[in-house]
Amino acid sequence: MGFWVFMLVCVLLTPATMLAIGIRYARRAPKNIQAVHGYRSEWSMKNRATWEFAHHYCGRLWKWFGAVSLPLSALAMLPLLGRDADTVSLWSCLPIGAQLGLMVLSIVLTERALRRNFDQAGRPKPR
């Protein structure tokens, strides 16, 4: 039972973090464009407008992905309650893999949105 609780915490850590960071970034991007903290890509770091847009967009995605995957990940762990450690550790990889897939998807969607809304120089495209 103790190992199952440990793995439940591990499985819920990523969506809880996504939810918390998503809430923060959807409201406000980090003040300075920097290579240490925040959503960092070539497109997002072009200027203040792309920096703000990328954080707002990715923050909304992470908020939504975290809110959806948190309860789903907890539900995915319920059938493993009372199972041996090998089974719990093996099957815990499924929700963790899905969460990592959502993180990669958020990068793809954010980069696509940046390219849709800004030109190569980081200027907003006319609508």
N, C-alpha and C. Protein backbone atom coordinates (compact mmCIF):
# COMPACT_ATOMS: atom_id res chain seq x y z
N MET A 1 0.83 -1.21 0.00
CA MET A 1 0.00 0.00 0.00
C MET A 1 0.86 1.26 0.00
N GLY A 2 1.97 1.23 0.73
CA GLY A 2 2.85 2.39 0.80
C GLY A 2 3.45 2.73 -0.56
N PHE A 3 3.83 1.69 -1.32
CA PHE A 3 4.40 1.95 -2.65
C PHE A 3 3.34 2.52 -3.58
N TRP A 4 2.11 2.04 -3.47
CA TRP A 4 1.02 2.56 -4.31
C TRP A 4 0.80 4.04 -4.02
N VAL A 5 0.82 4.42 -2.75
CA VAL A 5 0.65 5.84 -2.39
C VAL A 5 1.80 6.66 -2.96
N PHE A 6 3.01 6.14 -2.85
CA PHE A 6 4.17 6.84 -3.42
C PHE A 6 4.00 7.04 -4.93
N MET A 7 3.59 5.99 -5.63
CA MET A 7 3.41 6.09 -7.08
C MET A 7 2.22 6.99 -7.43
N LEU A 8 1.19 7.00 -6.62
CA LEU A 8 0.06 7.92 -6.85
C LEU A 8 0.55 9.37 -6.79
N VAL A 9 1.35 9.67 -5.79
CA VAL A 9 1.91 11.03 -5.67
C VAL A 9 2.78 11.34 -6.88
N CYS A 10 3.60 10.40 -7.31
CA CYS A 10 4.45 10.61 -8.49
C CYS A 10 3.61 10.86 -9.73
N VAL A 11 2.55 10.09 -9.90
CA VAL A 11 1.69 10.22 -11.07
C VAL A 11 0.94 11.56 -11.05
N LEU A 12 0.55 12.02 -9.88
CA LEU A 12 -0.22 13.26 -9.78
C LEU A 12 0.65 14.52 -9.77
N LEU A 13 1.95 14.34 -9.61
CA LEU A 13 2.85 15.49 -9.53
C LEU A 13 2.88 16.30 -10.82
N THR A 14 2.96 15.66 -11.96
CA THR A 14 3.03 16.38 -13.24
C THR A 14 1.75 17.16 -13.53
N PRO A 15 0.55 16.55 -13.46
CA PRO A 15 -0.63 17.36 -13.74
C PRO A 15 -0.87 18.46 -12.71
N ALA A 16 -0.51 18.23 -11.46
CA ALA A 16 -0.67 19.29 -10.45
C ALA A 16 0.27 20.45 -10.76
N THR A 17 1.49 20.14 -11.18
CA THR A 17 2.44 21.18 -11.56
C THR A 17 1.96 21.92 -12.80
N MET A 18 1.47 21.20 -13.78
CA MET A 18 0.94 21.83 -14.99
C MET A 18 -0.21 22.77 -14.64
N LEU A 19 -1.08 22.35 -13.77
CA LEU A 19 -2.21 23.18 -13.37
C LEU A 19 -1.73 24.45 -12.67
N ALA A 20 -0.82 24.31 -11.72
CA ALA A 20 -0.33 25.48 -10.97
C ALA A 20 0.42 26.46 -11.87
N ILE A 21 1.33 25.94 -12.69
CA ILE A 21 2.08 26.83 -13.59
C ILE A 21 1.16 27.40 -14.65
N GLY A 22 0.23 26.60 -15.13
CA GLY A 22 -0.73 27.09 -16.12
C GLY A 22 -1.55 28.25 -15.60
N ILE A 23 -2.01 28.16 -14.37
CA ILE A 23 -2.77 29.27 -13.77
C ILE A 23 -1.91 30.52 -13.69
N ARG A 24 -0.67 30.35 -13.28
CA ARG A 24 0.23 31.50 -13.14
C ARG A 24 0.55 32.14 -14.48
N TYR A 25 0.91 31.33 -15.46
CA TYR A 25 1.31 31.87 -16.76
C TYR A 25 0.12 32.38 -17.57
N ALA A 26 -1.05 31.83 -17.38
CA ALA A 26 -2.22 32.34 -18.09
C ALA A 26 -2.53 33.76 -17.63
N ARG A 27 -2.21 34.06 -16.39
CA ARG A 27 -2.43 35.41 -15.85
C ARG A 27 -1.30 36.36 -16.21
N ARG A 28 -0.04 35.88 -16.06
CA ARG A 28 1.10 36.79 -16.20
C ARG A 28 2.35 36.01 -16.56
N ALA A 29 3.02 36.51 -17.60
CA ALA A 29 4.31 35.92 -18.00
C ALA A 29 5.40 36.44 -17.09
N PRO A 30 6.52 35.73 -17.00
CA PRO A 30 7.66 36.29 -16.24
C PRO A 30 8.03 37.66 -16.79
N LYS A 31 8.46 38.54 -15.92
CA LYS A 31 8.71 39.94 -16.31
C LYS A 31 9.78 40.06 -17.37
N ASN A 32 10.88 39.36 -17.23
CA ASN A 32 11.99 39.49 -18.16
C ASN A 32 12.05 38.30 -19.10
N ILE A 33 12.37 38.58 -20.35
CA ILE A 33 12.62 37.50 -21.31
C ILE A 33 13.98 36.93 -20.95
N GLN A 34 13.99 35.66 -20.60
CA GLN A 34 15.21 35.06 -20.10
C GLN A 34 15.32 33.60 -20.53
N ALA A 35 16.50 33.07 -20.49
CA ALA A 35 16.74 31.70 -20.92
C ALA A 35 16.71 30.71 -19.75
N VAL A 36 16.26 31.15 -18.58
CA VAL A 36 16.27 30.29 -17.40
C VAL A 36 14.87 29.88 -16.97
N HIS A 37 13.90 30.76 -17.08
CA HIS A 37 12.59 30.55 -16.49
C HIS A 37 11.51 30.93 -17.50
N GLY A 38 10.50 30.09 -17.65
CA GLY A 38 9.38 30.40 -18.51
C GLY A 38 9.36 29.55 -19.76
N TYR A 39 8.41 29.87 -20.65
CA TYR A 39 8.29 29.17 -21.93
C TYR A 39 9.34 29.76 -22.86
N ARG A 40 10.38 28.98 -23.13
CA ARG A 40 11.52 29.49 -23.89
C ARG A 40 11.65 28.76 -25.21
N SER A 41 11.48 29.50 -26.28
CA SER A 41 11.74 28.99 -27.62
C SER A 41 12.22 30.17 -28.45
N GLU A 42 12.72 29.86 -29.63
CA GLU A 42 13.21 30.94 -30.50
C GLU A 42 12.09 31.95 -30.79
N TRP A 43 10.90 31.45 -31.05
CA TRP A 43 9.78 32.34 -31.37
C TRP A 43 9.29 33.11 -30.15
N SER A 44 9.20 32.46 -29.02
CA SER A 44 8.64 33.14 -27.84
C SER A 44 9.58 34.21 -27.29
N MET A 45 10.87 34.10 -27.57
CA MET A 45 11.83 35.04 -27.01
C MET A 45 12.21 36.18 -27.98
N LYS A 46 11.48 36.32 -29.08
CA LYS A 46 11.78 37.38 -30.05
C LYS A 46 11.58 38.77 -29.47
N ASN A 47 10.48 38.97 -28.76
CA ASN A 47 10.18 40.28 -28.17
C ASN A 47 9.14 40.10 -27.07
N ARG A 48 8.77 41.19 -26.46
CA ARG A 48 7.83 41.15 -25.34
C ARG A 48 6.46 40.62 -25.76
N ALA A 49 6.01 40.98 -26.97
CA ALA A 49 4.68 40.55 -27.43
C ALA A 49 4.63 39.03 -27.62
N THR A 50 5.66 38.47 -28.21
CA THR A 50 5.66 37.01 -28.41
C THR A 50 5.84 36.28 -27.07
N TRP A 51 6.62 36.88 -26.18
CA TRP A 51 6.83 36.31 -24.84
C TRP A 51 5.51 36.24 -24.09
N GLU A 52 4.78 37.34 -24.07
CA GLU A 52 3.49 37.40 -23.38
C GLU A 52 2.48 36.43 -24.01
N PHE A 53 2.41 36.45 -25.35
CA PHE A 53 1.48 35.58 -26.05
C PHE A 53 1.75 34.11 -25.76
N ALA A 54 3.02 33.71 -25.86
CA ALA A 54 3.38 32.30 -25.64
C ALA A 54 3.01 31.85 -24.24
N HIS A 55 3.27 32.68 -23.24
CA HIS A 55 2.95 32.30 -21.86
C HIS A 55 1.44 32.25 -21.63
N HIS A 56 0.74 33.21 -22.17
CA HIS A 56 -0.71 33.20 -22.00
C HIS A 56 -1.33 31.97 -22.68
N TYR A 57 -0.89 31.70 -23.90
CA TYR A 57 -1.44 30.58 -24.67
C TYR A 57 -1.08 29.24 -24.02
N CYS A 58 0.21 29.04 -23.75
CA CYS A 58 0.65 27.78 -23.14
C CYS A 58 0.08 27.64 -21.73
N GLY A 59 -0.03 28.75 -21.00
CA GLY A 59 -0.61 28.70 -19.66
C GLY A 59 -2.05 28.20 -19.68
N ARG A 60 -2.83 28.69 -20.65
CA ARG A 60 -4.21 28.20 -20.77
C ARG A 60 -4.25 26.71 -21.10
N LEU A 61 -3.35 26.28 -22.00
CA LEU A 61 -3.29 24.85 -22.33
C LEU A 61 -2.92 24.02 -21.10
N TRP A 62 -1.88 24.44 -20.39
CA TRP A 62 -1.44 23.68 -19.22
C TRP A 62 -2.51 23.67 -18.14
N LYS A 63 -3.21 24.78 -17.99
CA LYS A 63 -4.28 24.83 -16.99
C LYS A 63 -5.35 23.79 -17.34
N TRP A 64 -5.73 23.74 -18.59
CA TRP A 64 -6.76 22.81 -19.03
C TRP A 64 -6.24 21.37 -18.98
N PHE A 65 -5.04 21.14 -19.52
CA PHE A 65 -4.47 19.78 -19.51
C PHE A 65 -4.29 19.28 -18.09
N GLY A 66 -3.82 20.12 -17.19
CA GLY A 66 -3.62 19.72 -15.80
C GLY A 66 -4.92 19.40 -15.10
N ALA A 67 -5.94 20.25 -15.34
CA ALA A 67 -7.24 20.04 -14.70
C ALA A 67 -7.91 18.75 -15.18
N VAL A 68 -7.71 18.41 -16.43
CA VAL A 68 -8.31 17.19 -16.98
C VAL A 68 -7.50 15.95 -16.59
N SER A 69 -6.18 16.04 -16.69
CA SER A 69 -5.37 14.84 -16.44
C SER A 69 -5.20 14.51 -14.95
N LEU A 70 -5.40 15.48 -14.07
CA LEU A 70 -5.26 15.20 -12.63
C LEU A 70 -6.27 14.15 -12.16
N PRO A 71 -7.58 14.36 -12.37
CA PRO A 71 -8.51 13.31 -11.91
C PRO A 71 -8.42 12.02 -12.74
N LEU A 72 -8.13 12.16 -14.04
CA LEU A 72 -8.01 10.95 -14.87
C LEU A 72 -6.83 10.10 -14.44
N SER A 73 -5.74 10.75 -14.07
CA SER A 73 -4.56 10.02 -13.59
C SER A 73 -4.85 9.32 -12.26
N ALA A 74 -5.57 9.99 -11.38
CA ALA A 74 -5.95 9.38 -10.10
C ALA A 74 -6.86 8.17 -10.34
N LEU A 75 -7.80 8.32 -11.26
CA LEU A 75 -8.69 7.19 -11.59
C LEU A 75 -7.91 6.03 -12.20
N ALA A 76 -6.90 6.33 -13.00
CA ALA A 76 -6.09 5.28 -13.62
C ALA A 76 -5.31 4.49 -12.58
N MET A 77 -5.03 5.09 -11.44
CA MET A 77 -4.28 4.41 -10.39
C MET A 77 -5.16 3.53 -9.50
N LEU A 78 -6.44 3.79 -9.46
CA LEU A 78 -7.33 3.04 -8.56
C LEU A 78 -7.31 1.53 -8.80
N PRO A 79 -7.34 1.04 -10.05
CA PRO A 79 -7.31 -0.42 -10.23
C PRO A 79 -6.01 -1.07 -9.75
N LEU A 80 -4.99 -0.27 -9.52
CA LEU A 80 -3.69 -0.81 -9.07
C LEU A 80 -3.60 -0.92 -7.55
N LEU A 81 -4.60 -0.43 -6.85
CA LEU A 81 -4.60 -0.48 -5.39
C LEU A 81 -4.55 -1.94 -4.92
N GLY A 82 -3.58 -2.24 -4.08
CA GLY A 82 -3.44 -3.59 -3.55
C GLY A 82 -2.61 -4.52 -4.42
N ARG A 83 -2.14 -4.06 -5.56
CA ARG A 83 -1.32 -4.90 -6.44
C ARG A 83 0.13 -4.87 -5.98
N ASP A 84 0.92 -5.79 -6.50
CA ASP A 84 2.34 -5.84 -6.12
C ASP A 84 3.09 -4.66 -6.74
N ALA A 85 4.27 -4.38 -6.19
CA ALA A 85 5.06 -3.21 -6.59
C ALA A 85 5.44 -3.24 -8.07
N ASP A 86 5.75 -4.42 -8.60
CA ASP A 86 6.12 -4.51 -10.02
C ASP A 86 4.96 -4.11 -10.92
N THR A 87 3.77 -4.57 -10.61
CA THR A 87 2.59 -4.23 -11.40
C THR A 87 2.28 -2.74 -11.30
N VAL A 88 2.34 -2.21 -10.10
CA VAL A 88 2.05 -0.79 -9.89
C VAL A 88 3.04 0.08 -10.66
N SER A 89 4.33 -0.25 -10.55
CA SER A 89 5.34 0.57 -11.23
C SER A 89 5.22 0.46 -12.74
N LEU A 90 4.92 -0.71 -13.27
CA LEU A 90 4.78 -0.90 -14.70
C LEU A 90 3.58 -0.13 -15.25
N TRP A 91 2.41 -0.31 -14.64
CA TRP A 91 1.19 0.31 -15.15
C TRP A 91 1.11 1.81 -14.85
N SER A 92 1.91 2.28 -13.92
CA SER A 92 1.96 3.73 -13.65
C SER A 92 2.60 4.49 -14.80
N CYS A 93 3.32 3.78 -15.63
CA CYS A 93 3.95 4.43 -16.79
C CYS A 93 2.93 4.93 -17.80
N LEU A 94 1.75 4.33 -17.83
CA LEU A 94 0.73 4.76 -18.79
C LEU A 94 0.24 6.19 -18.53
N PRO A 95 -0.23 6.52 -17.32
CA PRO A 95 -0.64 7.91 -17.13
C PRO A 95 0.52 8.90 -17.22
N ILE A 96 1.70 8.48 -16.78
CA ILE A 96 2.87 9.36 -16.87
C ILE A 96 3.21 9.62 -18.34
N GLY A 97 3.16 8.61 -19.16
CA GLY A 97 3.40 8.77 -20.59
C GLY A 97 2.38 9.68 -21.25
N ALA A 98 1.12 9.53 -20.87
CA ALA A 98 0.07 10.39 -21.41
C ALA A 98 0.30 11.84 -21.00
N GLN A 99 0.73 12.06 -19.76
CA GLN A 99 1.00 13.42 -19.29
C GLN A 99 2.16 14.04 -20.06
N LEU A 100 3.21 13.28 -20.28
CA LEU A 100 4.34 13.78 -21.06
C LEU A 100 3.92 14.08 -22.50
N GLY A 101 3.02 13.26 -23.04
CA GLY A 101 2.47 13.52 -24.36
C GLY A 101 1.73 14.85 -24.41
N LEU A 102 0.98 15.16 -23.35
CA LEU A 102 0.27 16.45 -23.29
C LEU A 102 1.25 17.61 -23.21
N MET A 103 2.35 17.42 -22.51
CA MET A 103 3.36 18.48 -22.43
C MET A 103 3.96 18.75 -23.81
N VAL A 104 4.29 17.71 -24.54
CA VAL A 104 4.84 17.88 -25.89
C VAL A 104 3.79 18.51 -26.80
N LEU A 105 2.54 18.06 -26.69
CA LEU A 105 1.46 18.64 -27.48
C LEU A 105 1.31 20.14 -27.21
N SER A 106 1.47 20.55 -25.95
CA SER A 106 1.34 21.97 -25.63
C SER A 106 2.44 22.79 -26.31
N ILE A 107 3.63 22.23 -26.44
CA ILE A 107 4.71 22.93 -27.15
C ILE A 107 4.36 23.07 -28.63
N VAL A 108 3.91 21.99 -29.24
CA VAL A 108 3.56 22.01 -30.66
C VAL A 108 2.45 23.03 -30.91
N LEU A 109 1.40 23.01 -30.10
CA LEU A 109 0.28 23.93 -30.28
C LEU A 109 0.69 25.39 -30.05
N THR A 110 1.53 25.63 -29.06
CA THR A 110 1.97 27.00 -28.78
C THR A 110 2.84 27.53 -29.91
N GLU A 111 3.75 26.71 -30.40
CA GLU A 111 4.61 27.15 -31.50
C GLU A 111 3.78 27.41 -32.76
N ARG A 112 2.79 26.59 -33.02
CA ARG A 112 1.91 26.80 -34.17
C ARG A 112 1.14 28.11 -34.02
N ALA A 113 0.65 28.37 -32.81
CA ALA A 113 -0.09 29.62 -32.56
C ALA A 113 0.82 30.84 -32.71
N LEU A 114 2.06 30.73 -32.26
CA LEU A 114 3.01 31.83 -32.45
C LEU A 114 3.22 32.12 -33.93
N ARG A 115 3.39 31.09 -34.73
CA ARG A 115 3.63 31.28 -36.16
C ARG A 115 2.38 31.82 -36.87
N ARG A 116 1.21 31.45 -36.37
CA ARG A 116 -0.04 31.97 -36.95
C ARG A 116 -0.24 33.44 -36.66
N ASN A 117 0.22 33.88 -35.49
CA ASN A 117 -0.07 35.24 -35.03
C ASN A 117 1.07 36.24 -35.20
N PHE A 118 2.29 35.76 -35.46
CA PHE A 118 3.45 36.65 -35.59
C PHE A 118 4.26 36.27 -36.82
N ASP A 119 4.91 37.29 -37.42
CA ASP A 119 5.78 37.00 -38.55
C ASP A 119 7.17 36.61 -38.05
N GLN A 120 8.10 36.38 -38.98
CA GLN A 120 9.45 35.92 -38.62
C GLN A 120 10.18 36.89 -37.70
N ALA A 121 9.86 38.19 -37.81
CA ALA A 121 10.53 39.20 -36.99
C ALA A 121 9.85 39.39 -35.63
N GLY A 122 8.75 38.68 -35.40
CA GLY A 122 8.05 38.79 -34.13
C GLY A 122 6.99 39.89 -34.11
N ARG A 123 6.67 40.44 -35.28
CA ARG A 123 5.62 41.46 -35.36
C ARG A 123 4.27 40.77 -35.53
N PRO A 124 3.23 41.29 -34.88
CA PRO A 124 1.90 40.69 -35.03
C PRO A 124 1.46 40.73 -36.49
N LYS A 125 0.88 39.63 -36.96
CA LYS A 125 0.36 39.57 -38.32
C LYS A 125 -0.96 40.31 -38.37
N PRO A 126 -1.24 41.00 -39.48
CA PRO A 126 -2.54 41.67 -39.60
C PRO A 126 -3.66 40.64 -39.68
N ARG A 127 -4.78 40.98 -39.11
CA ARG A 127 -5.91 40.02 -39.11
C ARG A 127 -6.93 40.40 -40.11
